[in-house]
Amino acid sequence: MKNASLILFLLMFTNSIYSQEPTKKLRAVDNGIKVGTLLPGKLNAITDVSGVLVGNKTLITGDNIRTGVTAVLPHEGNLFKEKVPAAIYVFNGFGKLAGYTQVEELGNIESPIILTNTLSVGEAVKATVKYVLNIVGNEDVRSVNAVVGETNDGYLNDIRGMHVTEQDIIDAIESAKSGRVEEGSIGAGTGTVAFGLKGGIGTSSRLATIGNKTYTVGVLVQTNFGRELIIKGIPYTKEVKHEEVKRKEDGSCMIVIATDAPLTTQNLKRLAKRSFIGMGRTTTVMSNGSGDYAIAFSTAYKIPHEPVNQKYEVPGLIDNNVMTILFQAVEEATQEAIYNSLFAATTIMGFKGRVVESISADRVKKLLLKYNSN
């Protein structure tokens, strides 16, 4: 009986440690990992694209709730009245992305972009629609296309409990701000697992110069995928021989891409497609059970809901022939954002006492030295 009480005490004590709010950790570049050749923006985040806002609501309660919401707003105005050009690319459709068909058909986004867990998509759609309807100026709106993406955090989170509420979604949207973006075990990344390690929210950006103008491409990811982790060609998972990782083959990845480059919806889709090259550089095999989506939008111009004389102004669009540098930017930013989601994540104990460890920065540094010395 005493032994049982001791075990219970230790479990409760350990769980209290693993359940703390995430603390700031170093990012990939701080651990000696430099991705690509293009320069990042000032913050190396999606918010380097002027006007873009990011908000989170993290749910860590008791032993079983490890989930949350992340909201990305293309601008702080009325998104329904001033839509942004957008496109979505589906790499593997084993997912529950809401709002896809209207974006595909019309080429714009008119709501905040919400990321959460698989079974909370319905609640997120409802809350996002209510949020848009309640914006001043939208009193006569009768149709809203809410864009909501997800990954399944059911390994660490009591996902069947459907703990994300309408207010949690609203809180994430209303907390959205510019500036530094919180990463790791936060918001929609609170309960995610990537490469058998603690995944989460990650972000990065790249600057791309075309002619005499420099544009920004920013990426935010929700990582919950991957068999074996590859860090700049180094087979991390094989090197640690599964000592520190739990093999997890299924899962999903949501990628949100923002740019201030004036692009057509066709080129936004091409940009979204190239993000999966960056994702592919971080793992070995893309699995059947992974729902992988990239949502791309441009802040360079807005699409009014009710254009004057049925027309609206579009700035000089970037030509197809100079898209390559933007492709490179999104590839590099996606790869680094995925790494950042790992390095910023904290070890989490959750549902059924399961524990998923964060990546070992010390092990990574040793591997970098080993491979660079060969």
Protein backbone atom coordinates (compact mmCIF):
# COMPACT_ATOMS: atom_id res chain seq x y z
CA MET A 1 0.00 0.00 0.00
CA LYS A 2 2.85 2.35 0.87
CA ASN A 3 4.53 1.52 -2.43
CA ALA A 4 1.32 2.30 -4.33
CA SER A 5 1.02 5.66 -2.57
CA LEU A 6 4.63 6.47 -3.36
CA ILE A 7 4.17 5.63 -7.03
CA LEU A 8 1.05 7.81 -7.18
CA PHE A 9 2.91 10.69 -5.53
CA LEU A 10 5.83 10.40 -7.94
CA LEU A 11 3.48 10.26 -10.92
CA MET A 12 1.64 13.38 -9.74
CA PHE A 13 4.91 15.20 -9.07
CA THR A 14 6.37 14.26 -12.45
CA ASN A 15 3.16 15.17 -14.23
CA SER A 16 3.15 18.59 -12.59
CA ILE A 17 6.63 19.20 -14.00
CA TYR A 18 5.74 18.08 -17.52
CA SER A 19 2.47 20.03 -17.48
CA GLN A 20 3.91 23.47 -16.89
CA GLU A 21 3.33 26.24 -19.41
CA PRO A 22 6.03 26.12 -22.10
CA THR A 23 9.15 28.21 -21.51
CA LYS A 24 11.22 29.96 -24.15
CA LYS A 25 13.89 27.71 -25.68
CA LEU A 26 16.59 28.23 -28.25
CA ARG A 27 15.74 27.86 -31.92
CA ALA A 28 17.44 25.81 -34.66
CA VAL A 29 19.93 28.52 -35.62
CA ASP A 30 20.94 28.91 -31.97
CA ASN A 31 21.90 25.23 -32.01
CA GLY A 32 24.19 25.57 -35.01
CA ILE A 33 21.65 24.66 -37.70
CA LYS A 34 21.68 27.07 -40.64
CA VAL A 35 19.17 26.22 -43.33
CA GLY A 36 19.75 27.35 -46.90
CA THR A 37 21.44 30.46 -48.23
CA LEU A 38 18.76 33.16 -48.14
CA LEU A 39 18.62 35.62 -45.26
CA PRO A 40 15.75 35.43 -42.77
CA GLY A 41 13.61 38.41 -41.86
CA LYS A 42 14.22 40.41 -38.69
CA LEU A 43 12.23 38.01 -36.48
CA ASN A 44 12.70 34.92 -38.64
CA ALA A 45 8.95 34.41 -38.35
CA ILE A 46 5.76 34.58 -40.38
CA THR A 47 5.11 37.97 -38.77
CA ASP A 48 8.04 39.39 -40.75
CA VAL A 49 5.38 39.76 -43.43
CA SER A 50 3.96 43.15 -42.49
CA GLY A 51 0.42 43.04 -41.11
CA VAL A 52 0.33 39.32 -40.29
CA LEU A 53 -0.81 38.46 -36.74
CA VAL A 54 -0.52 35.20 -34.76
CA GLY A 55 -2.40 34.20 -31.61
CA ASN A 56 -2.48 31.09 -29.42
CA LYS A 57 -4.67 29.53 -26.77
CA THR A 58 -2.97 26.70 -24.87
CA LEU A 59 -5.01 24.15 -22.93
CA ILE A 60 -3.07 22.23 -20.28
CA THR A 61 -5.38 20.94 -17.56
CA GLY A 62 -5.06 18.00 -15.18
CA ASP A 63 -3.51 14.81 -16.49
CA ASN A 64 -5.24 14.49 -19.85
CA ILE A 65 -5.84 17.82 -21.61
CA ARG A 66 -2.91 18.83 -23.84
CA THR A 67 -4.29 20.75 -26.80
CA GLY A 68 -5.03 24.24 -28.06
CA VAL A 69 -5.63 26.68 -30.88
CA THR A 70 -3.39 28.78 -33.12
CA ALA A 71 -4.83 31.60 -35.21
CA VAL A 72 -3.16 33.35 -38.16
CA LEU A 73 -4.68 36.62 -39.37
CA PRO A 74 -3.49 38.00 -42.74
CA HIS A 75 -4.27 41.54 -41.54
CA GLU A 76 -5.95 43.26 -38.60
CA GLY A 77 -8.86 44.71 -40.55
CA ASN A 78 -12.19 43.18 -41.54
CA LEU A 79 -11.06 40.09 -43.44
CA PHE A 80 -14.53 39.44 -44.81
CA LYS A 81 -14.79 42.90 -46.34
CA GLU A 82 -11.14 42.93 -47.43
CA LYS A 83 -10.21 39.40 -48.43
CA VAL A 84 -6.69 38.31 -49.35
CA PRO A 85 -5.66 36.31 -52.44
CA ALA A 86 -4.95 32.74 -51.39
CA ALA A 87 -4.49 29.13 -52.46
CA ILE A 88 -4.30 25.72 -50.79
CA TYR A 89 -2.20 22.78 -51.91
CA VAL A 90 -3.07 19.28 -50.70
CA PHE A 91 0.01 17.07 -50.50
CA ASN A 92 -1.77 14.16 -48.79
CA GLY A 93 -5.47 14.49 -48.03
CA PHE A 94 -5.81 12.29 -44.93
CA GLY A 95 -7.12 15.26 -42.97
CA LYS A 96 -10.10 17.44 -42.12
CA LEU A 97 -9.35 20.85 -43.62
CA ALA A 98 -12.49 23.01 -43.58
CA GLY A 99 -13.06 25.75 -46.13
CA TYR A 100 -10.89 24.27 -48.87
CA THR A 101 -13.37 24.18 -51.77
CA GLN A 102 -14.29 27.87 -51.67
CA VAL A 103 -10.63 28.92 -51.52
CA GLU A 104 -9.95 26.61 -54.46
CA GLU A 105 -12.88 28.05 -56.41
CA LEU A 106 -12.56 31.78 -55.65
CA GLY A 107 -8.90 32.17 -54.76
CA ASN A 108 -9.30 34.15 -51.56
CA ILE A 109 -9.53 33.87 -47.79
CA GLU A 110 -12.11 35.84 -45.79
CA SER A 111 -11.57 34.64 -42.21
CA PRO A 112 -8.79 34.05 -39.70
CA ILE A 113 -6.92 30.79 -40.40
CA ILE A 114 -7.39 28.45 -37.45
CA LEU A 115 -5.28 25.43 -36.47
CA THR A 116 -6.44 23.01 -33.77
CA ASN A 117 -6.94 19.27 -33.16
CA THR A 118 -8.86 16.88 -35.42
CA LEU A 119 -12.07 16.58 -33.39
CA SER A 120 -12.27 20.32 -32.72
CA VAL A 121 -12.58 21.42 -36.36
CA GLY A 122 -16.38 21.69 -36.10
CA GLU A 123 -16.19 23.85 -32.99
CA ALA A 124 -13.54 26.01 -34.64
CA VAL A 125 -15.66 26.55 -37.75
CA LYS A 126 -18.65 27.56 -35.62
CA ALA A 127 -16.59 29.95 -33.48
CA THR A 128 -14.80 31.51 -36.44
CA VAL A 129 -18.08 32.11 -38.27
CA LYS A 130 -19.52 33.76 -35.16
CA TYR A 131 -16.40 35.91 -34.81
CA VAL A 132 -16.69 37.14 -38.39
CA LEU A 133 -20.45 37.76 -38.12
CA ASN A 134 -19.91 39.89 -35.00
CA ILE A 135 -17.39 42.24 -36.64
CA VAL A 136 -18.79 45.74 -37.07
CA GLY A 137 -19.83 46.16 -40.69
CA ASN A 138 -20.80 42.51 -41.16
CA GLU A 139 -24.37 42.82 -39.89
CA ASP A 140 -25.84 41.67 -43.20
CA VAL A 141 -23.37 38.84 -43.87
CA ARG A 142 -25.10 35.48 -44.39
CA SER A 143 -22.22 33.26 -45.55
CA VAL A 144 -18.71 32.86 -44.11
CA ASN A 145 -16.02 30.47 -45.31
CA ALA A 146 -14.02 29.59 -42.22
CA VAL A 147 -10.62 28.01 -42.95
CA VAL A 148 -9.69 25.51 -40.24
CA GLY A 149 -6.83 23.00 -40.32
CA GLU A 150 -5.92 20.27 -37.86
CA THR A 151 -3.59 17.56 -36.71
CA ASN A 152 -4.44 14.69 -34.38
CA ASP A 153 -2.97 15.19 -30.91
CA GLY A 154 -4.72 12.14 -29.44
CA TYR A 155 -1.52 10.48 -28.20
CA LEU A 156 -0.91 13.15 -25.54
CA ASN A 157 -4.38 14.70 -25.39
CA ASP A 158 -7.79 13.31 -24.45
CA ILE A 159 -9.01 14.20 -27.92
CA ARG A 160 -12.34 12.39 -27.53
CA GLY A 161 -13.17 14.78 -24.70
CA MET A 162 -13.38 17.60 -27.28
CA HIS A 163 -12.12 20.13 -24.75
CA VAL A 164 -11.57 23.06 -27.13
CA THR A 165 -14.46 25.50 -26.71
CA GLU A 166 -15.89 28.29 -28.82
CA GLN A 167 -14.36 30.80 -26.40
CA ASP A 168 -10.92 29.20 -26.78
CA ILE A 169 -11.09 29.85 -30.53
CA ILE A 170 -12.19 33.44 -29.98
CA ASP A 171 -9.43 33.94 -27.40
CA ALA A 172 -6.79 32.74 -29.88
CA ILE A 173 -8.08 35.10 -32.57
CA GLU A 174 -8.35 38.09 -30.23
CA SER A 175 -4.86 37.47 -28.80
CA ALA A 176 -3.29 37.58 -32.27
CA LYS A 177 -0.49 40.10 -32.56
CA SER A 178 2.51 41.04 -34.64
CA GLY A 179 6.10 40.65 -33.42
CA ARG A 180 7.75 37.55 -31.98
CA VAL A 181 5.81 34.32 -32.42
CA GLU A 182 5.70 31.79 -29.59
CA GLU A 183 6.79 28.33 -30.70
CA GLY A 184 6.93 24.75 -29.50
CA SER A 185 4.40 23.17 -27.12
CA ILE A 186 1.88 25.96 -27.41
CA GLY A 187 -1.50 26.59 -29.02
CA ALA A 188 -2.36 23.98 -31.64
CA GLY A 189 1.06 22.40 -31.06
CA THR A 190 0.56 21.67 -27.36
CA GLY A 191 -0.11 17.95 -27.78
CA THR A 192 1.53 17.16 -31.11
CA VAL A 193 4.27 14.60 -31.78
CA ALA A 194 6.76 14.80 -34.66
CA PHE A 195 9.37 12.15 -35.55
CA GLY A 196 8.58 10.47 -32.22
CA LEU A 197 9.69 13.66 -30.44
CA LYS A 198 7.67 16.55 -29.06
CA GLY A 199 6.47 18.60 -32.01
CA GLY A 200 4.54 21.84 -31.99
CA ILE A 201 4.31 25.26 -33.57
CA GLY A 202 7.32 26.55 -35.50
CA THR A 203 7.95 29.52 -37.75
CA SER A 204 10.61 31.01 -40.00
CA SER A 205 11.00 33.48 -42.86
CA ARG A 206 13.19 34.29 -45.83
CA LEU A 207 13.91 37.40 -47.87
CA ALA A 208 13.82 37.13 -51.67
CA THR A 209 15.04 39.89 -53.97
CA ILE A 210 13.48 40.26 -57.41
CA GLY A 211 14.82 43.13 -59.47
CA ASN A 212 15.22 46.09 -57.13
CA LYS A 213 12.66 44.94 -54.58
CA THR A 214 12.94 42.53 -51.65
CA TYR A 215 9.96 40.42 -50.63
CA THR A 216 9.34 38.33 -47.53
CA VAL A 217 8.06 34.76 -47.36
CA GLY A 218 6.99 33.64 -43.88
CA VAL A 219 5.96 30.15 -42.79
CA LEU A 220 4.21 28.78 -39.71
CA VAL A 221 3.86 25.02 -39.15
CA GLN A 222 1.95 22.70 -36.84
CA THR A 223 4.08 19.54 -36.79
CA ASN A 224 2.62 16.14 -35.99
CA PHE A 225 4.21 13.86 -38.59
CA GLY A 226 7.30 11.95 -39.65
CA ARG A 227 9.05 8.65 -39.33
CA GLU A 228 12.74 9.44 -39.01
CA LEU A 229 14.13 12.91 -38.41
CA ILE A 230 16.75 14.26 -40.80
CA ILE A 231 18.61 17.42 -39.72
CA LYS A 232 20.47 18.92 -42.65
CA GLY A 233 21.22 15.46 -43.99
CA ILE A 234 22.10 13.96 -40.59
CA PRO A 235 19.93 10.93 -39.73
CA TYR A 236 19.12 11.94 -36.16
CA THR A 237 16.69 9.10 -35.43
CA LYS A 238 19.07 6.41 -36.68
CA GLU A 239 21.97 7.92 -34.77
CA VAL A 240 20.16 7.86 -31.44
CA LYS A 241 19.02 4.32 -32.25
CA HIS A 242 15.52 5.05 -30.98
CA GLU A 243 16.84 5.53 -27.44
CA GLU A 244 15.15 8.91 -27.14
CA VAL A 245 12.34 8.67 -29.66
CA LYS A 246 9.07 6.79 -29.95
CA ARG A 247 8.55 5.68 -33.55
CA LYS A 248 5.40 7.28 -34.93
CA GLU A 249 4.66 6.87 -38.60
CA ASP A 250 1.30 8.57 -39.02
CA GLY A 251 0.30 12.13 -38.28
CA SER A 252 -0.09 15.39 -40.14
CA CYS A 253 1.49 18.74 -40.88
CA MET A 254 -0.27 22.05 -41.42
CA ILE A 255 1.74 24.75 -43.21
CA VAL A 256 0.62 28.38 -43.39
CA ILE A 257 2.55 30.62 -45.79
CA ALA A 258 2.38 34.41 -45.96
CA THR A 259 4.11 36.70 -48.43
CA ASP A 260 4.05 40.36 -49.38
CA ALA A 261 4.92 39.47 -52.96
CA PRO A 262 2.06 40.29 -55.37
CA LEU A 263 1.15 36.87 -56.70
CA THR A 264 -1.74 35.40 -58.62
CA THR A 265 -3.66 32.61 -56.93
CA GLN A 266 -2.02 30.21 -59.38
CA ASN A 267 1.44 31.24 -58.23
CA LEU A 268 0.32 31.13 -54.59
CA LYS A 269 -0.62 27.49 -55.15
CA ARG A 270 2.76 26.87 -56.78
CA LEU A 271 4.40 28.49 -53.76
CA ALA A 272 2.36 26.29 -51.39
CA LYS A 273 3.36 23.19 -53.35
CA ARG A 274 7.08 23.93 -52.96
CA SER A 275 6.80 24.07 -49.16
CA PHE A 276 6.64 20.28 -49.17
CA ILE A 277 10.14 20.13 -50.59
CA GLY A 278 11.28 21.81 -47.38
CA MET A 279 9.17 19.41 -45.34
CA GLY A 280 10.61 16.46 -47.26
CA ARG A 281 14.15 17.45 -46.27
CA THR A 282 13.28 16.78 -42.63
CA THR A 283 12.20 13.14 -42.87
CA THR A 284 12.44 9.94 -44.89
CA VAL A 285 9.02 8.65 -45.94
CA MET A 286 5.71 10.54 -46.18
CA SER A 287 3.07 8.19 -44.75
CA ASN A 288 -0.39 7.23 -45.93
CA GLY A 289 -1.93 8.44 -42.68
CA SER A 290 -0.59 11.97 -42.82
CA GLY A 291 -2.86 14.90 -43.65
CA ASP A 292 -0.53 17.50 -45.16
CA TYR A 293 -1.84 20.86 -46.34
CA ALA A 294 -0.24 24.18 -47.23
CA ILE A 295 -2.29 27.40 -47.12
CA ALA A 296 -0.65 30.37 -48.87
CA PHE A 297 -1.81 33.97 -49.02
CA SER A 298 -0.46 37.32 -50.15
CA THR A 299 -0.80 40.63 -48.30
CA ALA A 300 0.26 42.65 -51.36
CA TYR A 301 -3.31 43.49 -52.31
CA LYS A 302 -6.81 43.01 -50.95
CA ILE A 303 -9.94 41.79 -52.68
CA PRO A 304 -12.93 43.90 -51.61
CA HIS A 305 -16.16 42.06 -50.90
CA GLU A 306 -18.03 44.72 -52.83
CA PRO A 307 -15.64 46.26 -55.38
CA VAL A 308 -16.45 49.66 -56.83
CA ASN A 309 -17.83 49.29 -60.37
CA GLN A 310 -17.14 45.56 -60.06
CA LYS A 311 -13.38 46.22 -60.27
CA TYR A 312 -10.44 46.45 -57.87
CA GLU A 313 -6.82 47.45 -58.23
CA VAL A 314 -4.10 44.80 -58.39
CA PRO A 315 -0.42 45.85 -58.28
CA GLY A 316 2.08 44.62 -60.84
CA LEU A 317 2.02 40.87 -60.46
CA ILE A 318 5.23 38.89 -60.32
CA ASP A 319 5.94 37.00 -63.53
CA ASN A 320 6.15 33.21 -63.62
CA ASN A 321 9.74 33.39 -64.83
CA VAL A 322 11.02 34.95 -61.58
CA MET A 323 9.20 32.65 -59.14
CA THR A 324 12.23 30.44 -58.47
CA ILE A 325 13.69 32.65 -55.73
CA LEU A 326 10.32 32.61 -53.95
CA PHE A 327 10.21 28.82 -54.26
CA GLN A 328 13.64 28.68 -52.63
CA ALA A 329 12.45 31.01 -49.88
CA VAL A 330 9.43 28.88 -48.97
CA GLU A 331 11.46 25.65 -49.08
CA GLU A 332 14.08 27.02 -46.68
CA ALA A 333 11.57 28.68 -44.37
CA THR A 334 9.43 25.52 -44.11
CA GLN A 335 12.41 23.32 -43.31
CA GLU A 336 13.64 25.69 -40.60
CA ALA A 337 10.14 26.22 -39.19
CA ILE A 338 9.84 22.45 -38.68
CA TYR A 339 13.18 22.36 -36.88
CA ASN A 340 12.12 25.33 -34.75
CA SER A 341 8.94 23.51 -33.74
CA LEU A 342 11.14 20.75 -32.29
CA PHE A 343 13.79 22.86 -30.59
CA ALA A 344 11.24 25.17 -28.98
CA ALA A 345 9.08 22.29 -27.73
CA THR A 346 9.13 21.10 -24.14
CA THR A 347 8.79 17.54 -22.86
CA ILE A 348 5.12 16.81 -22.18
CA MET A 349 3.38 14.17 -20.06
CA GLY A 350 -0.26 13.78 -20.96
CA PHE A 351 -3.07 11.35 -21.66
CA LYS A 352 -2.72 7.99 -19.88
CA GLY A 353 0.60 9.10 -18.40
CA ARG A 354 2.31 9.09 -21.79
CA VAL A 355 5.48 11.13 -22.05
CA VAL A 356 7.02 12.53 -25.23
CA GLU A 357 10.50 13.97 -24.85
CA SER A 358 11.70 17.11 -26.55
CA ILE A 359 14.70 16.90 -28.85
CA SER A 360 18.13 16.76 -27.24
CA ALA A 361 20.01 19.91 -28.26
CA ASP A 362 23.23 18.44 -26.84
CA ARG A 363 22.84 15.30 -28.96
CA VAL A 364 22.23 17.43 -32.05
CA LYS A 365 25.37 19.48 -31.41
CA LYS A 366 27.44 16.32 -31.02
CA LEU A 367 26.07 14.94 -34.27
CA LEU A 368 26.84 18.19 -36.06
CA LEU A 369 30.44 17.96 -34.88
CA LYS A 370 30.67 14.29 -35.83
CA TYR A 371 29.37 14.78 -39.37
CA ASN A 372 31.22 18.01 -40.01
CA SER A 373 34.49 16.38 -38.99
CA ASN A 374 34.08 13.54 -41.49
